[in-house]
N, C-alpha and C. Protein backbone atom coordinates (compact mmCIF):
# COMPACT_ATOMS: atom_id res chain seq x y z
N MET A 1 1.16 -1.21 -0.09
CA MET A 1 0.06 0.21 0.03
C MET A 1 0.76 1.40 0.14
N ALA A 2 1.08 2.59 -0.59
CA ALA A 2 1.52 3.40 -0.87
C ALA A 2 1.20 4.45 0.52
N LYS A 3 1.97 4.70 0.68
CA LYS A 3 2.29 5.41 1.69
C LYS A 3 2.02 7.21 1.63
N ASP A 4 0.99 7.88 2.62
CA ASP A 4 0.69 9.33 2.35
C ASP A 4 1.82 10.46 1.95
N ILE A 5 1.24 11.36 1.35
CA ILE A 5 2.15 12.04 0.90
C ILE A 5 3.41 12.43 2.12
N PHE A 6 2.36 12.45 3.74
CA PHE A 6 3.33 13.32 4.40
C PHE A 6 3.54 12.34 5.39
N HIS A 7 4.14 10.94 4.91
CA HIS A 7 3.64 10.14 6.02
C HIS A 7 5.68 10.31 6.61
N GLU A 8 6.46 10.84 6.11
CA GLU A 8 7.85 10.61 6.36
C GLU A 8 7.61 12.30 7.67
N GLN A 9 6.83 13.03 7.64
CA GLN A 9 7.45 14.28 8.36
C GLN A 9 6.44 14.09 9.48
N ALA A 10 4.72 13.47 8.97
CA ALA A 10 4.25 12.82 10.75
C ALA A 10 5.13 12.19 11.12
N LYS A 11 6.02 10.94 11.38
CA LYS A 11 6.99 10.14 11.77
C LYS A 11 7.89 10.68 12.52
N ALA A 12 8.50 11.63 11.77
CA ALA A 12 9.72 12.81 12.34
C ALA A 12 9.24 13.61 13.04
N ALA A 13 7.93 14.06 13.00
CA ALA A 13 7.27 14.40 14.18
C ALA A 13 6.86 13.55 15.41
N LEU A 14 6.66 13.04 15.66
CA LEU A 14 6.23 11.71 16.56
C LEU A 14 7.57 11.42 17.25
N ILE A 15 8.21 10.97 16.38
CA ILE A 15 9.50 10.75 16.80
C ILE A 15 10.59 11.81 17.93
N LYS A 16 10.33 13.27 17.00
CA LYS A 16 10.32 14.98 18.09
C LYS A 16 10.12 14.70 19.40
N ASP A 17 8.67 14.03 19.85
CA ASP A 17 7.79 14.16 20.54
C ASP A 17 8.02 13.01 21.54
N GLY A 18 8.94 12.53 21.00
CA GLY A 18 9.39 10.98 22.33
C GLY A 18 9.14 10.46 22.19
N TRP A 19 8.08 9.88 20.67
CA TRP A 19 8.07 8.35 20.69
C TRP A 19 9.20 7.56 19.25
N HIS A 20 9.07 6.39 20.57
CA HIS A 20 10.37 5.43 19.20
C HIS A 20 9.23 4.54 18.47
N ILE A 21 9.33 4.60 16.96
CA ILE A 21 8.68 4.22 16.25
C ILE A 21 9.33 2.73 16.08
N THR A 22 7.84 1.27 16.17
CA THR A 22 8.21 -0.09 16.55
C THR A 22 7.79 -0.80 15.30
N HIS A 23 6.39 0.19 14.40
CA HIS A 23 6.18 -0.85 13.33
C HIS A 23 6.02 0.52 12.31
N ASP A 24 6.62 0.05 10.95
CA ASP A 24 6.50 1.33 9.63
C ASP A 24 6.35 0.20 8.29
N PRO A 25 5.17 -0.02 7.88
CA PRO A 25 4.08 -0.51 8.64
C PRO A 25 3.45 -1.12 9.50
N PHE A 26 2.56 -1.04 10.72
CA PHE A 26 2.09 -2.12 11.48
C PHE A 26 0.69 -2.63 10.92
N ILE A 27 1.02 -3.92 11.04
CA ILE A 27 0.45 -4.98 10.17
C ILE A 27 -0.32 -5.56 10.77
N ILE A 28 -1.66 -5.72 11.05
CA ILE A 28 -2.31 -6.65 11.97
C ILE A 28 -3.54 -7.66 10.43
N ARG A 29 -3.05 -9.07 11.33
CA ARG A 29 -3.46 -10.09 10.51
C ARG A 29 -4.78 -10.06 11.01
N ILE A 30 -6.60 -10.07 10.26
CA ILE A 30 -7.72 -10.39 10.92
C ILE A 30 -8.28 -11.96 11.28
N SER A 31 -7.94 -12.84 9.70
CA SER A 31 -7.88 -13.76 9.45
C SER A 31 -6.93 -13.65 7.52
N GLU A 32 -7.73 -15.07 7.39
CA GLU A 32 -6.68 -15.11 6.18
C GLU A 32 -7.03 -14.58 5.18
N ALA A 33 -8.11 -14.00 4.63
CA ALA A 33 -8.42 -13.24 4.18
C ALA A 33 -8.67 -11.45 4.39
N ILE A 34 -8.67 -11.20 5.70
CA ILE A 34 -8.00 -10.01 5.86
C ILE A 34 -6.62 -9.18 6.81
N LYS A 35 -6.78 -8.66 6.17
CA LYS A 35 -4.77 -8.12 6.95
C LYS A 35 -4.91 -6.38 6.47
N LEU A 36 -4.57 -6.01 7.55
CA LEU A 36 -4.91 -4.49 8.41
C LEU A 36 -3.74 -4.31 8.20
N GLN A 37 -3.11 -2.20 7.58
CA GLN A 37 -1.88 -2.06 7.26
C GLN A 37 -1.85 -1.02 8.03
N ILE A 38 -1.61 -0.68 9.33
CA ILE A 38 -1.59 0.44 10.01
C ILE A 38 -0.06 1.54 9.26
N ASP A 39 -0.65 2.82 9.50
CA ASP A 39 0.65 3.30 9.00
C ASP A 39 1.89 3.34 9.72
N LEU A 40 1.67 3.52 11.17
CA LEU A 40 2.60 3.78 12.24
C LEU A 40 2.62 3.01 13.47
N ALA A 41 3.43 1.65 13.97
CA ALA A 41 3.53 1.74 15.47
C ALA A 41 4.40 2.93 16.38
N ALA A 42 4.04 3.04 17.96
CA ALA A 42 4.82 3.27 18.33
C ALA A 42 4.23 3.33 19.78
N GLU A 43 6.19 3.43 20.64
CA GLU A 43 6.01 3.42 22.23
C GLU A 43 6.43 4.10 22.41
N ASN A 44 5.84 5.25 23.83
CA ASN A 44 6.87 6.02 24.28
C ASN A 44 6.70 6.02 25.91
N ALA A 45 7.89 5.51 26.99
CA ALA A 45 7.00 5.63 27.58
C ALA A 45 7.25 6.25 28.86
N ILE A 46 6.19 5.94 29.56
CA ILE A 46 5.47 7.21 30.62
C ILE A 46 6.58 7.56 31.63
N ALA A 47 6.95 6.32 31.64
CA ALA A 47 7.95 6.26 33.41
C ALA A 47 9.03 5.18 33.26
N ALA A 48 9.99 5.40 34.34
CA ALA A 48 11.12 4.72 34.76
C ALA A 48 10.16 3.09 35.15
N GLU A 49 9.15 3.23 35.73
CA GLU A 49 8.88 1.88 36.70
C GLU A 49 7.65 1.73 35.71
N ARG A 50 7.09 2.34 35.04
CA ARG A 50 5.41 1.63 34.76
C ARG A 50 5.92 1.38 32.71
N ASP A 51 5.45 0.46 32.75
CA ASP A 51 4.52 -0.08 31.31
C ASP A 51 4.57 1.03 30.35
N SER A 52 5.52 1.25 29.07
CA SER A 52 4.90 2.10 27.70
C SER A 52 4.13 1.88 27.36
N GLN A 53 3.91 3.44 27.13
CA GLN A 53 2.06 3.65 25.90
C GLN A 53 2.42 3.24 24.48
N LYS A 54 1.46 2.66 24.19
CA LYS A 54 1.31 2.38 22.89
C LYS A 54 0.14 2.76 22.06
N ILE A 55 0.78 2.95 20.74
CA ILE A 55 0.36 3.97 19.86
C ILE A 55 -0.17 3.21 18.31
N ALA A 56 -0.90 3.29 17.75
CA ALA A 56 -1.04 3.05 16.35
C ALA A 56 -1.71 4.26 16.14
N VAL A 57 -1.24 4.68 14.87
CA VAL A 57 -1.48 6.10 14.20
C VAL A 57 -1.65 5.99 12.31
N GLU A 58 -2.71 6.55 12.10
CA GLU A 58 -2.90 6.57 10.50
C GLU A 58 -2.91 7.60 9.84
N ILE A 59 -2.11 7.88 9.74
CA ILE A 59 -1.48 9.19 8.99
C ILE A 59 -2.60 9.38 7.21
N LYS A 60 -3.09 10.51 7.83
CA LYS A 60 -3.83 11.50 6.10
C LYS A 60 -3.08 13.34 5.94
N SER A 61 -2.92 12.95 4.70
CA SER A 61 -2.67 14.28 4.49
C SER A 61 -3.57 15.51 3.68
N PHE A 62 -4.66 14.61 2.99
CA PHE A 62 -5.86 15.54 3.20
C PHE A 62 -5.03 16.26 2.00
N ILE A 63 -4.76 16.05 0.67
CA ILE A 63 -4.43 16.90 -0.75
C ILE A 63 -6.00 16.76 -1.57
N ARG A 64 -6.07 15.82 -1.93
CA ARG A 64 -6.97 15.93 -3.02
C ARG A 64 -8.08 16.56 -3.24
N ASP A 65 -9.37 16.77 -4.00
CA ASP A 65 -9.84 17.37 -4.09
C ASP A 65 -11.25 17.49 -3.28
N SER A 66 -11.11 16.33 -2.48
CA SER A 66 -12.26 16.33 -2.16
C SER A 66 -12.23 15.88 -0.13
N ASP A 67 -11.81 17.14 0.15
CA ASP A 67 -11.32 16.50 1.60
C ASP A 67 -12.83 16.15 2.61
N ILE A 68 -14.05 15.84 2.32
CA ILE A 68 -15.46 14.34 2.62
C ILE A 68 -15.00 13.37 2.48
N SER A 69 -14.61 13.36 1.22
CA SER A 69 -14.39 12.08 0.57
C SER A 69 -13.09 11.30 1.09
N GLU A 70 -11.77 12.14 1.22
CA GLU A 70 -11.01 11.73 2.57
C GLU A 70 -11.40 11.74 3.37
N PHE A 71 -11.89 12.24 3.99
CA PHE A 71 -11.90 11.81 5.66
C PHE A 71 -13.66 10.60 5.60
N HIS A 72 -14.11 10.02 4.91
CA HIS A 72 -14.72 9.05 5.05
C HIS A 72 -13.92 7.99 4.79
N THR A 73 -12.78 7.92 4.26
CA THR A 73 -11.60 7.02 3.94
C THR A 73 -10.96 6.97 5.26
N ALA A 74 -11.11 8.06 5.59
CA ALA A 74 -10.08 8.07 7.17
C ALA A 74 -10.56 7.41 7.96
N LEU A 75 -12.13 7.91 8.22
CA LEU A 75 -13.23 7.52 9.29
C LEU A 75 -12.87 5.92 9.25
N GLY A 76 -13.53 5.57 8.09
CA GLY A 76 -13.55 3.77 7.65
C GLY A 76 -12.48 3.48 8.49
N GLN A 77 -11.00 3.61 7.46
CA GLN A 77 -10.03 3.57 8.17
C GLN A 77 -9.65 2.93 9.80
N TYR A 78 -10.58 4.26 10.56
CA TYR A 78 -9.95 4.41 12.12
C TYR A 78 -10.78 3.31 12.21
N LEU A 79 -12.31 3.38 12.16
CA LEU A 79 -13.16 2.72 12.88
C LEU A 79 -12.24 0.85 13.00
N ASN A 80 -12.07 1.06 11.51
CA ASN A 80 -11.71 -0.69 11.02
C ASN A 80 -10.14 -0.61 12.05
N TYR A 81 -10.00 0.42 12.00
CA TYR A 81 -8.47 -0.09 13.23
C TYR A 81 -8.31 -0.43 14.42
N CYS A 82 -9.65 0.37 14.71
CA CYS A 82 -9.50 0.59 16.38
C CYS A 82 -10.29 -0.61 16.40
N GLN A 83 -11.52 -1.35 15.81
CA GLN A 83 -11.90 -2.33 16.21
C GLN A 83 -10.78 -3.80 16.27
N ALA A 84 -10.37 -3.98 15.39
CA ALA A 84 -8.68 -4.60 15.00
C ALA A 84 -8.01 -4.79 16.28
N LEU A 85 -7.85 -3.75 16.78
CA LEU A 85 -6.53 -3.34 17.89
C LEU A 85 -7.59 -3.89 19.12
N GLU A 86 -8.87 -3.33 19.00
CA GLU A 86 -9.36 -3.86 20.05
C GLU A 86 -9.58 -5.80 20.54
N GLU A 87 -9.54 -6.05 19.37
CA GLU A 87 -9.31 -7.42 20.02
C GLU A 87 -8.27 -8.01 19.74
N GLN A 88 -6.84 -7.75 19.04
CA GLN A 88 -5.11 -8.12 18.95
C GLN A 88 -4.76 -7.25 20.39
N GLU A 89 -4.72 -6.24 20.16
CA GLU A 89 -3.71 -5.37 21.35
C GLU A 89 -4.52 -4.21 21.75
N PRO A 90 -5.44 -4.17 23.06
CA PRO A 90 -5.92 -3.93 23.54
C PRO A 90 -6.13 -2.65 24.65
N GLU A 91 -4.47 -2.49 23.99
CA GLU A 91 -3.33 -1.66 25.11
C GLU A 91 -2.87 -0.55 23.94
N ARG A 92 -2.99 -0.70 23.04
CA ARG A 92 -2.98 -0.05 22.47
C ARG A 92 -3.88 1.25 21.52
N MET A 93 -3.53 2.23 21.85
CA MET A 93 -4.72 3.74 21.26
C MET A 93 -4.61 3.28 20.08
N THR A 94 -5.21 4.08 19.05
CA THR A 94 -5.52 4.35 17.46
C THR A 94 -5.46 5.80 17.55
N TYR A 95 -5.06 6.14 17.02
CA TYR A 95 -5.06 8.01 16.42
C TYR A 95 -4.84 8.16 14.77
N LEU A 96 -5.62 9.27 14.84
CA LEU A 96 -6.01 9.54 13.19
C LEU A 96 -4.92 11.46 13.69
N ALA A 97 -3.91 10.88 12.64
CA ALA A 97 -3.41 12.19 12.36
C ALA A 97 -3.55 13.16 11.41
N VAL A 98 -4.01 14.16 11.48
CA VAL A 98 -3.57 14.66 10.23
C VAL A 98 -2.98 16.27 10.20
N PRO A 99 -2.90 17.13 9.05
CA PRO A 99 -1.91 18.14 9.08
C PRO A 99 -3.38 19.11 9.82
N VAL A 100 -2.21 20.47 10.43
CA VAL A 100 -2.83 21.84 10.86
C VAL A 100 -3.92 22.46 10.46
N GLU A 101 -3.47 22.45 8.90
CA GLU A 101 -4.10 23.28 8.24
C GLU A 101 -5.52 22.35 7.74
N THR A 102 -5.79 21.43 8.25
CA THR A 102 -6.83 20.24 7.48
C THR A 102 -7.57 20.52 9.16
N TYR A 103 -6.98 20.02 9.73
CA TYR A 103 -7.80 20.69 11.69
C TYR A 103 -8.67 21.33 11.31
N GLN A 104 -8.05 23.06 11.16
CA GLN A 104 -8.40 23.99 11.51
C GLN A 104 -9.49 24.49 10.17
N ASP A 105 -9.20 24.22 9.40
CA ASP A 105 -9.88 24.23 7.93
C ASP A 105 -11.66 23.87 7.65
N PHE A 106 -10.53 22.19 8.26
CA PHE A 106 -12.40 21.18 7.82
C PHE A 106 -13.09 20.57 8.98
N PHE A 107 -12.21 20.38 9.84
CA PHE A 107 -12.56 19.29 10.82
C PHE A 107 -13.16 20.51 11.87
N GLN A 108 -12.99 21.43 12.14
CA GLN A 108 -14.03 22.65 12.43
C GLN A 108 -15.04 22.32 12.10
N LEU A 109 -15.67 22.00 11.50
CA LEU A 109 -16.93 22.11 10.89
C LEU A 109 -17.31 21.58 11.60
N SER A 110 -18.70 21.85 12.25
CA SER A 110 -19.78 21.62 13.26
C SER A 110 -20.39 19.70 13.25
N PHE A 111 -20.26 19.59 11.46
CA PHE A 111 -21.19 18.47 11.07
C PHE A 111 -19.71 17.52 11.73
N ILE A 112 -18.66 17.65 11.04
CA ILE A 112 -16.98 17.01 11.38
C ILE A 112 -17.19 16.37 12.36
N GLN A 113 -17.00 18.24 13.71
CA GLN A 113 -17.15 17.92 14.92
C GLN A 113 -17.74 16.91 15.44
N ARG A 114 -19.41 16.68 14.87
CA ARG A 114 -19.92 15.86 15.59
C ARG A 114 -20.13 14.24 15.63
N ILE A 115 -19.36 14.00 14.55
CA ILE A 115 -19.14 12.69 14.26
C ILE A 115 -17.48 12.11 14.44
N LEU A 116 -16.47 13.10 15.11
CA LEU A 116 -15.28 13.00 15.75
C LEU A 116 -16.02 12.42 17.37
N HIS A 117 -17.12 13.25 17.38
CA HIS A 117 -17.46 13.45 19.19
C HIS A 117 -18.03 11.96 19.36
N ARG A 118 -19.27 11.00 17.93
CA ARG A 118 -20.11 10.89 18.33
C ARG A 118 -18.96 9.07 18.16
N TYR A 119 -17.85 9.35 17.54
CA TYR A 119 -16.94 8.23 17.31
C TYR A 119 -15.61 8.08 18.36
N GLN A 120 -15.95 9.00 18.94
CA GLN A 120 -14.72 9.30 19.56
C GLN A 120 -13.51 8.66 19.51
N VAL A 121 -13.02 9.50 18.03
CA VAL A 121 -12.32 9.67 16.96
C VAL A 121 -11.17 10.75 17.79
N LYS A 122 -9.80 9.93 18.20
CA LYS A 122 -8.54 10.31 18.79
C LYS A 122 -7.35 11.02 17.78
N LEU A 123 -7.93 12.58 17.59
CA LEU A 123 -6.49 12.82 16.70
C LEU A 123 -5.19 13.64 17.34
N ILE A 124 -3.98 13.48 16.37
CA ILE A 124 -3.30 13.90 16.60
C ILE A 124 -2.98 14.93 14.98
N ILE A 125 -2.97 16.43 15.70
CA ILE A 125 -2.41 17.24 14.60
C ILE A 125 -0.86 17.53 14.08
N TYR A 126 -0.51 17.78 13.06
CA TYR A 126 0.60 17.68 13.54
C TYR A 126 1.04 19.18 11.76
N ASP A 127 2.45 19.52 11.99
CA ASP A 127 2.78 20.87 10.92
C ASP A 127 3.65 19.97 9.75
N SER A 128 3.03 19.87 8.79
CA SER A 128 4.75 18.74 8.10
C SER A 128 5.07 19.55 7.79
N LYS A 129 5.32 20.62 7.30
CA LYS A 129 6.81 21.62 7.02
C LYS A 129 7.83 21.92 8.34
N ARG A 130 7.57 21.90 9.65
CA ARG A 130 8.43 22.24 11.09
C ARG A 130 8.65 20.74 11.28
N GLU A 131 7.15 19.87 11.08
CA GLU A 131 7.60 18.30 11.13
C GLU A 131 7.29 18.10 12.67
N GLU A 132 6.05 18.65 13.28
CA GLU A 132 5.92 18.30 14.88
C GLU A 132 5.11 18.77 14.92
N ILE A 133 4.64 17.60 16.25
CA ILE A 133 2.86 17.81 16.70
C ILE A 133 2.76 19.26 17.07
N ASN A 134 1.26 19.76 16.96
CA ASN A 134 0.73 21.03 17.32
C ASN A 134 -0.23 20.42 18.32
N GLN A 135 -0.88 19.35 18.45
CA GLN A 135 -2.21 18.76 19.58
C GLN A 135 -1.93 17.30 19.46
N TRP A 136 -2.07 17.10 20.50
CA TRP A 136 -2.82 15.38 20.77
C TRP A 136 -4.48 15.90 21.26
N ILE A 137 -5.67 15.07 20.54
CA ILE A 137 -6.70 15.07 21.01
C ILE A 137 -7.14 13.71 21.26
N ASN A 138 -7.55 13.64 22.89
CA ASN A 138 -8.53 12.16 23.27
C ASN A 138 -9.58 12.36 23.30
């Protein structure tokens, strides 16, 4: 599967934020017929005495003509990945990573906000130019 255009920038932003990339891509086999490929998996030690925090990240760039079409795809992937991880790696949290411009322009629309709230979508807002995480939304 092709990597998203901002894959490396989002990955660099996570590394700058203290995350260790463990899988690129992160593959989950549901059955013989179903294999899911999440963009990244990462870990971050919370404290020396505690277990590490684990995440799976689906990176999206939203550079095509239709943001709503890209959103449909991203949301569908996110929900599938949440279900698969709940079954196979329940300790790993799923995040959807989107560029800061998309978050400010498109993700603030009330319809999109209602969907994000309804499905409890966790977001990583990244700056593709500076390769930095702007915000984590749980």
